[in-house]
Amino acid sequence: MSVEQVADASEPMKQLTAYIVDKVIKRKGVEINEDTPLVSSGLVDSFAMIEIFMELQRVAGRKIPASKVQAKDMDTVRLMFAMAEKFGKPAKS
């Protein structure tokens, strides 16, 4: 994988991370990265995970069967993208 491909792959993670901070957590001073535990740390509740799941599909450009999603796959942004790659199909434009 080239440097450009790695940079391109990290951009959707950055977008989802920013979305979670701005739209879901909404607390001043909270910073997260791709490996920050979200659910297990209590930063995000299970209801917010639905909103995050929908945004993940949009940002990743993949349709992910909800039946394949497990709570452990949604604890960090990095795990979410790994699950999207494993189970997701390219979204139709």
N, C-alpha and C. Protein backbone atom coordinates (compact mmCIF):
# COMPACT_ATOMS: atom_id res chain seq x y z
N MET A 1 0.85 -1.18 0.00
CA MET A 1 0.00 0.00 0.00
C MET A 1 0.89 1.24 0.00
N SER A 2 0.60 2.17 -0.87
CA SER A 2 1.41 3.38 -0.96
C SER A 2 1.05 4.37 0.15
N VAL A 3 1.89 5.37 0.32
CA VAL A 3 1.63 6.41 1.32
C VAL A 3 0.31 7.11 1.01
N GLU A 4 0.06 7.36 -0.27
CA GLU A 4 -1.19 8.03 -0.66
C GLU A 4 -2.40 7.18 -0.31
N GLN A 5 -2.31 5.85 -0.52
CA GLN A 5 -3.43 4.98 -0.20
C GLN A 5 -3.68 4.94 1.31
N VAL A 6 -2.61 4.93 2.10
CA VAL A 6 -2.77 4.94 3.55
C VAL A 6 -3.42 6.25 3.99
N ALA A 7 -2.98 7.37 3.42
CA ALA A 7 -3.57 8.68 3.75
C ALA A 7 -5.03 8.71 3.36
N ASP A 8 -5.36 8.18 2.18
CA ASP A 8 -6.75 8.15 1.73
C ASP A 8 -7.61 7.30 2.65
N ALA A 9 -7.06 6.17 3.11
CA ALA A 9 -7.80 5.28 3.98
C ALA A 9 -8.05 5.91 5.35
N SER A 10 -7.12 6.76 5.82
CA SER A 10 -7.29 7.35 7.14
C SER A 10 -8.26 8.52 7.14
N GLU A 11 -8.50 9.13 5.99
CA GLU A 11 -9.40 10.28 5.92
C GLU A 11 -10.83 9.95 6.38
N PRO A 12 -11.43 8.84 5.92
CA PRO A 12 -12.77 8.50 6.44
C PRO A 12 -12.77 8.27 7.95
N MET A 13 -11.69 7.70 8.50
CA MET A 13 -11.62 7.52 9.95
C MET A 13 -11.61 8.87 10.66
N LYS A 14 -10.87 9.82 10.11
CA LYS A 14 -10.84 11.16 10.70
C LYS A 14 -12.21 11.81 10.62
N GLN A 15 -12.90 11.61 9.51
CA GLN A 15 -14.25 12.18 9.35
C GLN A 15 -15.21 11.61 10.39
N LEU A 16 -15.17 10.28 10.57
CA LEU A 16 -16.08 9.66 11.53
C LEU A 16 -15.71 10.06 12.96
N THR A 17 -14.42 10.14 13.25
CA THR A 17 -13.98 10.57 14.58
C THR A 17 -14.48 11.98 14.89
N ALA A 18 -14.35 12.88 13.94
CA ALA A 18 -14.83 14.26 14.12
C ALA A 18 -16.34 14.28 14.29
N TYR A 19 -17.05 13.47 13.51
CA TYR A 19 -18.51 13.39 13.63
C TYR A 19 -18.92 12.95 15.04
N ILE A 20 -18.25 11.94 15.57
CA ILE A 20 -18.59 11.44 16.90
C ILE A 20 -18.38 12.52 17.96
N VAL A 21 -17.27 13.24 17.88
CA VAL A 21 -16.99 14.31 18.85
C VAL A 21 -18.01 15.44 18.71
N ASP A 22 -18.27 15.88 17.47
CA ASP A 22 -19.13 17.05 17.24
C ASP A 22 -20.62 16.78 17.39
N LYS A 23 -21.07 15.62 16.93
CA LYS A 23 -22.51 15.35 16.85
C LYS A 23 -23.03 14.38 17.90
N VAL A 24 -22.16 13.55 18.46
CA VAL A 24 -22.63 12.52 19.39
C VAL A 24 -22.21 12.84 20.82
N ILE A 25 -20.92 13.03 21.06
CA ILE A 25 -20.44 13.26 22.43
C ILE A 25 -20.82 14.67 22.90
N LYS A 26 -20.55 15.67 22.09
CA LYS A 26 -20.94 17.07 22.35
C LYS A 26 -20.50 17.61 23.70
N ARG A 27 -19.38 17.13 24.25
CA ARG A 27 -18.87 17.67 25.51
C ARG A 27 -17.58 18.39 25.25
N LYS A 28 -17.46 19.57 25.80
CA LYS A 28 -16.23 20.35 25.62
C LYS A 28 -15.04 19.62 26.22
N GLY A 29 -13.92 19.72 25.51
CA GLY A 29 -12.68 19.16 26.01
C GLY A 29 -12.48 17.67 25.78
N VAL A 30 -13.48 17.00 25.20
CA VAL A 30 -13.34 15.57 24.94
C VAL A 30 -12.62 15.39 23.60
N GLU A 31 -11.54 14.64 23.64
CA GLU A 31 -10.81 14.32 22.42
C GLU A 31 -10.74 12.81 22.30
N ILE A 32 -10.95 12.32 21.09
CA ILE A 32 -10.84 10.89 20.84
C ILE A 32 -9.97 10.68 19.60
N ASN A 33 -9.49 9.46 19.44
CA ASN A 33 -8.79 9.09 18.22
C ASN A 33 -9.38 7.77 17.73
N GLU A 34 -8.76 7.17 16.72
CA GLU A 34 -9.30 5.96 16.11
C GLU A 34 -9.32 4.77 17.06
N ASP A 35 -8.54 4.84 18.14
CA ASP A 35 -8.44 3.71 19.07
C ASP A 35 -9.06 3.98 20.44
N THR A 36 -9.75 5.09 20.59
CA THR A 36 -10.40 5.41 21.86
C THR A 36 -11.61 4.51 22.08
N PRO A 37 -11.67 3.79 23.21
CA PRO A 37 -12.88 3.00 23.50
C PRO A 37 -14.07 3.94 23.68
N LEU A 38 -15.14 3.68 22.97
CA LEU A 38 -16.30 4.56 23.02
C LEU A 38 -17.39 4.01 23.92
N VAL A 39 -17.86 2.81 23.66
CA VAL A 39 -18.94 2.23 24.45
C VAL A 39 -18.42 1.73 25.79
N SER A 40 -17.33 0.96 25.76
CA SER A 40 -16.82 0.37 27.01
C SER A 40 -16.34 1.43 28.00
N SER A 41 -16.02 2.64 27.51
CA SER A 41 -15.60 3.72 28.41
C SER A 41 -16.76 4.57 28.88
N GLY A 42 -17.92 4.39 28.26
CA GLY A 42 -19.09 5.19 28.62
C GLY A 42 -19.21 6.51 27.87
N LEU A 43 -18.30 6.78 26.94
CA LEU A 43 -18.39 8.02 26.15
C LEU A 43 -19.62 8.04 25.26
N VAL A 44 -20.02 6.87 24.76
CA VAL A 44 -21.14 6.76 23.83
C VAL A 44 -22.07 5.66 24.34
N ASP A 45 -23.38 5.94 24.32
CA ASP A 45 -24.33 4.92 24.75
C ASP A 45 -24.84 4.12 23.55
N SER A 46 -25.55 3.06 23.84
CA SER A 46 -26.00 2.16 22.77
C SER A 46 -26.96 2.83 21.80
N PHE A 47 -27.72 3.80 22.25
CA PHE A 47 -28.65 4.49 21.35
C PHE A 47 -27.89 5.32 20.32
N ALA A 48 -26.79 5.93 20.74
CA ALA A 48 -25.98 6.73 19.82
C ALA A 48 -25.28 5.86 18.79
N MET A 49 -25.09 4.59 19.10
CA MET A 49 -24.40 3.70 18.16
C MET A 49 -25.17 3.55 16.85
N ILE A 50 -26.46 3.65 16.89
CA ILE A 50 -27.25 3.56 15.66
C ILE A 50 -26.91 4.74 14.75
N GLU A 51 -26.86 5.92 15.33
CA GLU A 51 -26.50 7.12 14.58
C GLU A 51 -25.08 7.00 14.02
N ILE A 52 -24.17 6.51 14.83
CA ILE A 52 -22.78 6.34 14.40
C ILE A 52 -22.69 5.28 13.29
N PHE A 53 -23.45 4.21 13.42
CA PHE A 53 -23.47 3.15 12.40
C PHE A 53 -23.93 3.70 11.05
N MET A 54 -24.95 4.54 11.07
CA MET A 54 -25.45 5.14 9.83
C MET A 54 -24.38 6.04 9.21
N GLU A 55 -23.70 6.81 10.03
CA GLU A 55 -22.64 7.70 9.53
C GLU A 55 -21.45 6.88 9.03
N LEU A 56 -21.13 5.79 9.71
CA LEU A 56 -20.05 4.90 9.27
C LEU A 56 -20.32 4.42 7.85
N GLN A 57 -21.53 3.98 7.59
CA GLN A 57 -21.87 3.50 6.25
C GLN A 57 -21.70 4.60 5.21
N ARG A 58 -22.11 5.82 5.56
CA ARG A 58 -22.00 6.94 4.62
C ARG A 58 -20.53 7.27 4.36
N VAL A 59 -19.75 7.43 5.41
CA VAL A 59 -18.35 7.83 5.28
C VAL A 59 -17.52 6.73 4.60
N ALA A 60 -17.79 5.47 4.96
CA ALA A 60 -17.04 4.35 4.39
C ALA A 60 -17.51 4.01 2.98
N GLY A 61 -18.69 4.49 2.60
CA GLY A 61 -19.23 4.17 1.28
C GLY A 61 -19.60 2.70 1.15
N ARG A 62 -20.03 2.12 2.27
CA ARG A 62 -20.35 0.69 2.27
C ARG A 62 -21.69 0.45 2.96
N LYS A 63 -22.42 -0.52 2.46
CA LYS A 63 -23.67 -0.97 3.09
C LYS A 63 -23.32 -2.18 3.94
N ILE A 64 -23.57 -2.07 5.23
CA ILE A 64 -23.17 -3.12 6.18
C ILE A 64 -24.44 -3.78 6.72
N PRO A 65 -24.57 -5.09 6.58
CA PRO A 65 -25.75 -5.76 7.15
C PRO A 65 -25.76 -5.63 8.67
N ALA A 66 -26.82 -5.07 9.22
CA ALA A 66 -26.91 -4.86 10.67
C ALA A 66 -26.79 -6.19 11.42
N SER A 67 -27.21 -7.27 10.81
CA SER A 67 -27.15 -8.58 11.47
C SER A 67 -25.71 -9.04 11.71
N LYS A 68 -24.75 -8.47 11.00
CA LYS A 68 -23.35 -8.83 11.16
C LYS A 68 -22.63 -8.01 12.23
N VAL A 69 -23.27 -6.95 12.71
CA VAL A 69 -22.63 -6.03 13.65
C VAL A 69 -22.77 -6.54 15.08
N GLN A 70 -21.64 -6.58 15.77
CA GLN A 70 -21.63 -6.93 17.19
C GLN A 70 -21.11 -5.74 17.97
N ALA A 71 -21.48 -5.64 19.22
CA ALA A 71 -21.07 -4.50 20.05
C ALA A 71 -19.55 -4.33 20.07
N LYS A 72 -18.82 -5.43 20.14
CA LYS A 72 -17.35 -5.35 20.19
C LYS A 72 -16.77 -4.72 18.93
N ASP A 73 -17.49 -4.82 17.81
CA ASP A 73 -17.03 -4.25 16.54
C ASP A 73 -17.22 -2.74 16.48
N MET A 74 -17.96 -2.19 17.43
CA MET A 74 -18.30 -0.77 17.40
C MET A 74 -17.65 0.01 18.53
N ASP A 75 -16.68 -0.57 19.23
CA ASP A 75 -16.11 0.11 20.39
C ASP A 75 -15.10 1.19 20.02
N THR A 76 -14.40 1.03 18.90
CA THR A 76 -13.48 2.07 18.45
C THR A 76 -13.72 2.34 16.96
N VAL A 77 -13.30 3.49 16.52
CA VAL A 77 -13.45 3.85 15.11
C VAL A 77 -12.67 2.86 14.24
N ARG A 78 -11.49 2.47 14.66
CA ARG A 78 -10.68 1.53 13.89
C ARG A 78 -11.41 0.18 13.74
N LEU A 79 -12.01 -0.30 14.83
CA LEU A 79 -12.77 -1.56 14.77
C LEU A 79 -13.98 -1.42 13.85
N MET A 80 -14.62 -0.25 13.87
CA MET A 80 -15.78 -0.03 12.99
C MET A 80 -15.39 -0.16 11.52
N PHE A 81 -14.26 0.45 11.16
CA PHE A 81 -13.83 0.39 9.76
C PHE A 81 -13.37 -1.01 9.37
N ALA A 82 -12.76 -1.74 10.31
CA ALA A 82 -12.38 -3.13 10.03
C ALA A 82 -13.63 -3.97 9.77
N MET A 83 -14.67 -3.76 10.56
CA MET A 83 -15.92 -4.48 10.38
C MET A 83 -16.58 -4.08 9.05
N ALA A 84 -16.52 -2.79 8.70
CA ALA A 84 -17.10 -2.32 7.43
C ALA A 84 -16.39 -2.97 6.25
N GLU A 85 -15.07 -3.10 6.34
CA GLU A 85 -14.30 -3.75 5.27
C GLU A 85 -14.65 -5.23 5.17
N LYS A 86 -14.82 -5.87 6.31
CA LYS A 86 -15.07 -7.31 6.33
C LYS A 86 -16.47 -7.66 5.82
N PHE A 87 -17.48 -6.93 6.27
CA PHE A 87 -18.86 -7.30 5.98
C PHE A 87 -19.57 -6.39 4.99
N GLY A 88 -19.04 -5.18 4.78
CA GLY A 88 -19.73 -4.21 3.94
C GLY A 88 -19.59 -4.47 2.46
N LYS A 89 -20.59 -4.07 1.73
CA LYS A 89 -20.57 -4.11 0.27
C LYS A 89 -20.58 -2.67 -0.21
N PRO A 90 -19.90 -2.39 -1.33
CA PRO A 90 -19.90 -1.00 -1.83
C PRO A 90 -21.34 -0.47 -1.98
N ALA A 91 -21.55 0.74 -1.46
CA ALA A 91 -22.87 1.35 -1.53
C ALA A 91 -23.15 1.79 -2.96
N LYS A 92 -24.40 1.68 -3.36
CA LYS A 92 -24.79 2.13 -4.69
C LYS A 92 -24.93 3.63 -4.69
N SER A 93 -24.43 4.27 -5.71
CA SER A 93 -24.49 5.74 -5.80
C SER A 93 -25.83 6.19 -6.30
